[in-house]
Amino acid sequence: MKSKLEYIWLDGYKPTQTLRSKTQVRDNFDGTLEACPVWSFDGSSTQQAEGNDSDCLLKPVAVYPDPDRANAYLVMTEVMNADGTPHPSNGRATIDDDDSDFWFGFEQEYFLWDIKTNLPPGFPSGGYPGPQGPYYCSVGAQNAFGREVIEDHMDLCLEAGLNFEGINAEVAAGQWEFQIFAKGAKKAGDQTWIARYLLERTAERYGLAINYEPKPLGKELDWNGSGMHANFSNGPMREDGDESIFTKICEAFSKNIDRHISVYGANNDQRLTGLHETQAIDEFSYGVSDRGASIRIPIGTVEDGWKGRLEDRRTASNADPYKVAAAIIKTTKEGLA
């Protein structure tokens, strides 16, 4: 039997990388990562090489069934140079500690985007819908737009075996969210990127694009932006029951604002204004149940005897989850050193 292997990678475009993919047909593929060969592509077409030395390598790192195609698989890869070293665009390679002690949950917000009107569905041509408020977790055609895309996407992610934890309509018309959880930074990044890929491909069928810009409707408008809130924990946070652990970590984050903002997504200054449930981009704060803080301490963490997680709310919707996780691990370990 012949199988279709969809090799997926991140290109070299700046400031925001985008997904690329191509299909390889193989005989008698057994569905394992070990059976996925290293492949190559023309890096000069993706801002990752010059034309006179254009070969880049695709190193498979995770494989999932592709329920949207017959006899098919989704192969997440990382880009390597021809000599086998990580390409500069390879965010996954920035994670130097991938033990399962670190758990990540990413809350991926985004806008569906009508490529004909250049607006989200639910926005009238040349104008705006009613103020935000009724759209969050809404139901009904008056407030929920594009649900068929979201439902199809969720089914595909679950059938692919992703640890897909849920969906909800967000606070603006045409804005939605999905959640991915995984034990291990690389696994969380792999699954978030595969879920993004499936979302893009699902929206294609409906003539829609996915807009991951953190503030696509303009900074001056009274609409929430899109984030990718990063929930994280490690062993001491989950097990020790010690408030001082969370304080030390948050204080370490306060000393490393630039480290995090530099990988938390392009144009995030448009979103992190101190309004619309955000802290200003050049300031830092943390607090229990505070959605206007840089880092929120969930009330559940406190009620469970200071056992649980933290939520970094600064991460933009267009951030690379690999780079986000790498920065979080580094700062968390420094805080507890």
Protein backbone atom coordinates (compact mmCIF):
# COMPACT_ATOMS: atom_id res chain seq x y z
CA MET A 1 0.00 0.00 0.00
CA LYS A 2 1.16 3.50 -0.76
CA SER A 3 1.01 6.17 1.96
CA LYS A 4 1.09 9.96 1.73
CA LEU A 5 3.51 11.62 4.15
CA GLU A 6 2.97 15.37 4.52
CA TYR A 7 6.29 16.89 5.63
CA ILE A 8 5.61 20.12 7.55
CA TRP A 9 8.17 22.78 8.44
CA LEU A 10 8.62 26.44 9.35
CA ASP A 11 10.10 28.76 6.76
CA GLY A 12 12.66 31.51 7.29
CA TYR A 13 10.42 34.55 6.88
CA LYS A 14 10.88 37.35 9.41
CA PRO A 15 9.57 38.57 11.77
CA THR A 16 6.99 35.76 11.67
CA GLN A 17 7.62 32.32 10.23
CA THR A 18 4.88 30.53 8.34
CA LEU A 19 4.10 26.88 7.69
CA ARG A 20 5.22 25.04 4.56
CA SER A 21 4.56 21.44 3.55
CA LYS A 22 4.99 18.96 0.73
CA THR A 23 3.91 15.36 0.18
CA GLN A 24 6.07 12.28 -0.20
CA VAL A 25 4.49 9.00 -1.34
CA ARG A 26 6.03 5.84 0.16
CA ASP A 27 5.42 2.10 -0.11
CA ASN A 28 4.65 -0.02 2.95
CA PHE A 29 5.02 2.81 5.47
CA ASP A 30 4.46 1.50 9.02
CA GLY A 31 3.47 4.82 10.61
CA THR A 32 6.53 5.15 12.84
CA LEU A 33 8.88 8.11 13.18
CA GLU A 34 11.84 5.82 12.52
CA ALA A 35 10.44 5.00 9.08
CA CYS A 36 10.28 8.69 8.07
CA PRO A 37 13.42 9.51 6.08
CA VAL A 38 15.24 12.82 6.19
CA TRP A 39 14.12 14.83 3.15
CA SER A 40 15.35 18.00 1.47
CA PHE A 41 13.82 21.15 0.00
CA ASP A 42 14.79 24.31 -1.84
CA GLY A 43 15.65 26.75 0.92
CA SER A 44 16.12 29.59 -1.57
CA SER A 45 12.33 29.64 -2.02
CA THR A 46 11.62 29.94 1.72
CA GLN A 47 14.18 32.54 2.86
CA GLN A 48 16.40 29.78 4.27
CA ALA A 49 19.23 29.52 1.72
CA GLU A 50 20.87 31.15 -1.27
CA GLY A 51 20.20 29.87 -4.77
CA ASN A 52 23.78 28.72 -5.29
CA ASP A 53 23.65 26.55 -2.16
CA SER A 54 19.96 25.91 -1.67
CA ASP A 55 19.54 22.45 -0.14
CA CYS A 56 18.09 22.37 3.37
CA LEU A 57 17.13 19.20 5.24
CA LEU A 58 13.84 18.22 6.85
CA LYS A 59 14.46 16.09 9.94
CA PRO A 60 11.27 14.30 11.09
CA VAL A 61 10.53 14.79 14.80
CA ALA A 62 6.92 13.61 15.18
CA VAL A 63 4.37 11.73 13.08
CA TYR A 64 0.58 11.64 13.38
CA PRO A 65 -2.20 10.05 11.33
CA ASP A 66 -3.74 12.48 8.84
CA PRO A 67 -7.50 11.84 9.11
CA ASP A 68 -8.26 14.32 6.33
CA ARG A 69 -6.59 12.23 3.60
CA ALA A 70 -6.65 8.53 2.73
CA ASN A 71 -3.61 6.49 3.85
CA ALA A 72 -1.84 9.64 5.02
CA TYR A 73 0.34 10.98 7.84
CA LEU A 74 1.41 14.36 9.14
CA VAL A 75 5.18 14.55 9.68
CA MET A 76 6.40 17.48 11.77
CA THR A 77 10.00 18.29 10.93
CA GLU A 78 12.74 20.70 11.94
CA VAL A 79 14.97 22.41 9.41
CA MET A 80 18.64 21.48 9.35
CA ASN A 81 21.56 22.75 7.32
CA ALA A 82 23.07 20.44 4.72
CA ASP A 83 25.76 19.44 7.25
CA GLY A 84 23.11 18.32 9.75
CA THR A 85 23.38 21.26 12.14
CA PRO A 86 20.24 23.19 13.12
CA HIS A 87 19.29 25.97 10.71
CA PRO A 88 19.12 29.48 12.28
CA SER A 89 15.34 29.44 11.69
CA ASN A 90 14.96 26.27 13.76
CA GLY A 91 13.19 27.34 16.95
CA ARG A 92 12.82 23.77 18.16
CA ALA A 93 16.59 23.52 18.46
CA THR A 94 16.59 26.37 21.00
CA ILE A 95 15.03 24.03 23.57
CA ASP A 96 17.99 22.58 25.42
CA ASP A 97 16.01 20.79 28.10
CA ASP A 98 13.09 18.65 27.02
CA ASP A 99 12.59 16.38 30.01
CA SER A 100 8.93 15.76 30.78
CA ASP A 101 9.28 17.66 34.07
CA PHE A 102 8.03 20.78 32.24
CA TRP A 103 4.39 20.70 31.16
CA PHE A 104 2.90 23.26 28.79
CA GLY A 105 -0.62 24.23 27.84
CA PHE A 106 -1.02 26.74 25.01
CA GLU A 107 -4.27 28.66 24.53
CA GLN A 108 -4.15 29.56 20.84
CA GLU A 109 -6.37 32.49 19.87
CA TYR A 110 -6.85 33.56 16.26
CA PHE A 111 -9.25 35.23 13.85
CA LEU A 112 -10.92 33.52 10.95
CA TRP A 113 -10.36 35.83 8.00
CA ASP A 114 -12.46 36.31 4.88
CA ILE A 115 -9.97 36.83 2.04
CA LYS A 116 -12.65 38.51 -0.09
CA THR A 117 -13.62 41.22 2.39
CA ASN A 118 -10.29 41.28 4.28
CA LEU A 119 -12.30 41.14 7.50
CA PRO A 120 -13.31 38.42 9.95
CA PRO A 121 -16.64 36.69 9.29
CA GLY A 122 -19.34 38.58 11.14
CA PHE A 123 -17.95 41.97 10.15
CA PRO A 124 -20.16 43.88 7.71
CA SER A 125 -18.42 45.29 4.65
CA GLY A 126 -16.99 48.71 5.41
CA GLY A 127 -18.01 48.64 9.05
CA TYR A 128 -18.01 46.84 12.35
CA PRO A 129 -20.41 44.58 14.21
CA GLY A 130 -21.76 45.48 17.64
CA PRO A 131 -19.26 45.96 20.48
CA GLN A 132 -17.49 42.93 21.89
CA GLY A 133 -19.24 41.19 24.73
CA PRO A 134 -21.89 38.85 23.28
CA TYR A 135 -19.40 36.89 21.15
CA TYR A 136 -17.39 35.16 23.92
CA CYS A 137 -18.46 31.51 24.22
CA SER A 138 -21.52 32.44 22.17
CA VAL A 139 -24.03 30.30 20.31
CA GLY A 140 -26.34 31.27 17.47
CA ALA A 141 -25.80 32.78 14.03
CA GLN A 142 -26.12 36.32 15.37
CA ASN A 143 -22.95 36.06 17.46
CA ALA A 144 -20.99 32.91 16.46
CA PHE A 145 -19.32 32.98 13.06
CA GLY A 146 -17.47 30.14 11.33
CA ARG A 147 -18.35 27.36 13.74
CA GLU A 148 -18.31 24.75 10.96
CA VAL A 149 -14.58 25.40 10.46
CA ILE A 150 -13.87 25.11 14.16
CA GLU A 151 -15.83 21.87 14.57
CA ASP A 152 -14.14 20.26 11.57
CA HIS A 153 -10.76 21.32 12.90
CA MET A 154 -11.40 19.91 16.37
CA ASP A 155 -12.49 16.55 14.97
CA LEU A 156 -9.37 16.32 12.82
CA CYS A 157 -7.05 17.16 15.72
CA LEU A 158 -8.67 14.53 17.93
CA GLU A 159 -8.54 11.90 15.20
CA ALA A 160 -4.88 12.72 14.61
CA GLY A 161 -4.16 11.92 18.24
CA LEU A 162 -3.23 15.41 19.38
CA ASN A 163 -3.78 16.22 23.04
CA PHE A 164 -6.40 18.76 22.03
CA GLU A 165 -8.19 20.03 25.13
CA GLY A 166 -10.97 22.27 23.86
CA ILE A 167 -12.30 25.21 21.86
CA ASN A 168 -14.31 28.35 22.51
CA ALA A 169 -15.50 31.43 20.69
CA GLU A 170 -13.49 34.44 21.83
CA VAL A 171 -14.45 38.01 22.73
CA ALA A 172 -14.49 39.46 19.19
CA ALA A 173 -16.66 38.44 16.26
CA GLY A 174 -14.91 35.77 14.18
CA GLN A 175 -12.30 35.14 16.88
CA TRP A 176 -11.78 31.65 18.30
CA GLU A 177 -9.42 29.67 20.51
CA PHE A 178 -8.16 26.11 20.86
CA GLN A 179 -6.04 24.58 23.59
CA ILE A 180 -3.17 22.09 23.40
CA PHE A 181 -1.48 20.43 26.40
CA ALA A 182 1.61 18.24 26.49
CA LYS A 183 4.26 17.01 28.88
CA GLY A 184 7.54 18.24 27.43
CA ALA A 185 8.37 21.46 25.61
CA LYS A 186 9.14 19.92 22.23
CA LYS A 187 6.02 17.78 22.25
CA ALA A 188 3.88 20.81 23.13
CA GLY A 189 5.44 22.77 20.28
CA ASP A 190 5.05 19.90 17.82
CA GLN A 191 1.38 19.46 18.59
CA THR A 192 0.60 23.18 18.55
CA TRP A 193 2.19 23.54 15.11
CA ILE A 194 0.36 20.48 13.77
CA ALA A 195 -2.91 21.89 15.12
CA ARG A 196 -2.15 25.20 13.40
CA TYR A 197 -1.41 23.37 10.17
CA LEU A 198 -4.70 21.46 10.31
CA LEU A 199 -6.54 24.70 11.06
CA GLU A 200 -5.05 26.43 8.02
CA ARG A 201 -5.86 23.50 5.78
CA THR A 202 -9.40 23.15 7.11
CA ALA A 203 -10.12 26.86 6.61
CA GLU A 204 -8.96 26.55 2.97
CA ARG A 205 -12.05 24.48 2.19
CA TYR A 206 -14.28 27.34 3.33
CA GLY A 207 -12.39 30.05 1.47
CA LEU A 208 -11.07 31.44 4.75
CA ALA A 209 -7.59 32.22 6.03
CA ILE A 210 -6.30 32.22 9.60
CA ASN A 211 -5.04 35.52 10.98
CA TYR A 212 -2.57 35.10 13.85
CA GLU A 213 -1.68 38.80 14.12
CA PRO A 214 -1.94 39.92 17.75
CA LYS A 215 -3.99 43.01 16.88
CA PRO A 216 -5.27 42.63 13.31
CA LEU A 217 -8.09 45.15 13.67
CA GLY A 218 -5.83 48.01 14.77
CA LYS A 219 -4.42 49.18 18.06
CA GLU A 220 -6.79 52.14 18.27
CA LEU A 221 -9.98 50.04 18.12
CA ASP A 222 -11.80 48.77 21.19
CA TRP A 223 -11.33 45.10 20.38
CA ASN A 224 -9.28 42.51 22.22
CA GLY A 225 -6.21 41.18 20.47
CA SER A 226 -5.18 37.55 20.03
CA GLY A 227 -2.76 35.81 22.36
CA MET A 228 -1.32 32.37 22.92
CA HIS A 229 -1.40 32.24 26.70
CA ALA A 230 1.34 29.93 27.93
CA ASN A 231 0.46 27.79 30.95
CA PHE A 232 3.43 26.00 32.44
CA SER A 233 4.61 24.01 35.44
CA ASN A 234 7.46 21.84 36.61
CA GLY A 235 7.80 19.31 39.40
CA PRO A 236 8.34 21.73 42.29
CA MET A 237 5.38 23.87 41.18
CA ARG A 238 3.08 20.86 40.98
CA GLU A 239 4.27 18.99 44.05
CA ASP A 240 5.93 21.10 46.76
CA GLY A 241 3.03 23.26 47.91
CA ASP A 242 5.29 26.26 48.56
CA GLU A 243 4.16 29.79 47.72
CA SER A 244 7.77 31.00 47.69
CA ILE A 245 8.49 28.83 44.63
CA PHE A 246 5.93 30.78 42.60
CA THR A 247 7.21 34.09 43.94
CA LYS A 248 10.81 33.25 42.99
CA ILE A 249 9.76 32.27 39.47
CA CYS A 250 7.67 35.40 38.94
CA GLU A 251 10.48 37.60 40.24
CA ALA A 252 12.89 35.92 37.80
CA PHE A 253 10.47 36.72 34.97
CA SER A 254 10.36 40.35 36.11
CA LYS A 255 14.13 40.59 35.56
CA ASN A 256 14.01 39.13 32.05
CA ILE A 257 11.31 41.09 30.22
CA ASP A 258 13.38 41.48 27.04
CA ARG A 259 14.24 37.76 26.85
CA HIS A 260 10.57 36.90 26.73
CA ILE A 261 9.16 39.75 24.68
CA SER A 262 11.80 39.10 22.00
CA VAL A 263 10.23 35.68 21.27
CA TYR A 264 6.62 36.37 22.25
CA GLY A 265 5.54 37.45 18.77
CA ALA A 266 5.93 40.29 16.28
CA ASN A 267 3.77 43.42 16.65
CA ASN A 268 2.89 42.42 20.19
CA ASP A 269 3.23 46.08 21.21
CA GLN A 270 -0.09 46.60 19.44
CA ARG A 271 -1.72 44.16 21.86
CA LEU A 272 0.19 44.64 25.12
CA THR A 273 -1.04 48.15 25.89
CA GLY A 274 -2.28 47.74 29.45
CA LEU A 275 -5.86 47.61 28.15
CA HIS A 276 -8.09 44.72 27.08
CA GLU A 277 -6.87 42.28 29.74
CA THR A 278 -3.17 42.92 29.13
CA GLN A 279 -0.23 44.45 30.94
CA ALA A 280 1.88 47.03 29.07
CA ILE A 281 4.68 45.48 27.05
CA ASP A 282 7.47 47.27 28.95
CA GLU A 283 6.06 46.56 32.41
CA PHE A 284 5.73 43.40 34.48
CA SER A 285 3.26 42.32 37.11
CA TYR A 286 1.87 39.12 38.56
CA GLY A 287 -1.12 38.35 40.70
CA VAL A 288 -3.68 35.77 41.72
CA SER A 289 -6.56 35.55 39.22
CA ASP A 290 -5.39 38.80 37.57
CA ARG A 291 -6.02 38.75 33.81
CA GLY A 292 -4.48 42.19 33.47
CA ALA A 293 -1.14 40.97 34.81
CA SER A 294 1.85 39.72 32.83
CA ILE A 295 1.63 36.42 34.70
CA ARG A 296 -1.60 35.20 36.25
CA ILE A 297 -1.48 32.85 39.23
CA PRO A 298 -4.62 30.73 38.76
CA ILE A 299 -6.91 30.65 41.78
CA GLY A 300 -6.85 26.86 41.52
CA THR A 301 -3.12 26.85 42.21
CA VAL A 302 -3.69 28.74 45.46
CA GLU A 303 -6.70 26.70 46.52
CA ASP A 304 -4.74 23.49 45.94
CA GLY A 305 -2.17 24.58 48.50
CA TRP A 306 0.17 26.34 46.07
CA LYS A 307 0.41 23.34 43.79
CA GLY A 308 -0.16 23.92 40.11
CA ARG A 309 0.83 26.22 37.27
CA LEU A 310 1.40 29.76 36.11
CA GLU A 311 0.00 31.48 33.03
CA ASP A 312 2.15 33.90 31.05
CA ARG A 313 -0.46 36.07 29.34
CA ARG A 314 1.96 38.14 27.26
CA THR A 315 2.55 35.59 24.51
CA ALA A 316 1.07 36.72 21.20
CA SER A 317 -0.97 34.51 18.90
CA ASN A 318 1.79 34.51 16.25
CA ALA A 319 4.60 33.42 18.60
CA ASP A 320 6.59 30.25 18.00
CA PRO A 321 5.68 27.84 20.85
CA TYR A 322 9.14 26.27 20.66
CA LYS A 323 10.88 29.58 21.38
CA VAL A 324 8.30 30.51 24.01
CA ALA A 325 8.84 27.24 25.87
CA ALA A 326 12.63 27.56 25.67
CA ALA A 327 12.53 31.02 27.26
CA ILE A 328 10.11 29.91 29.98
CA ILE A 329 12.25 26.90 30.91
CA LYS A 330 15.40 29.03 31.08
CA THR A 331 13.89 31.73 33.31
CA THR A 332 12.06 29.25 35.55
CA LYS A 333 15.26 27.33 36.21
CA GLU A 334 17.16 30.53 36.93
CA GLY A 335 14.48 31.54 39.44
CA LEU A 336 14.78 28.27 41.30
CA ALA A 337 18.56 27.93 41.09
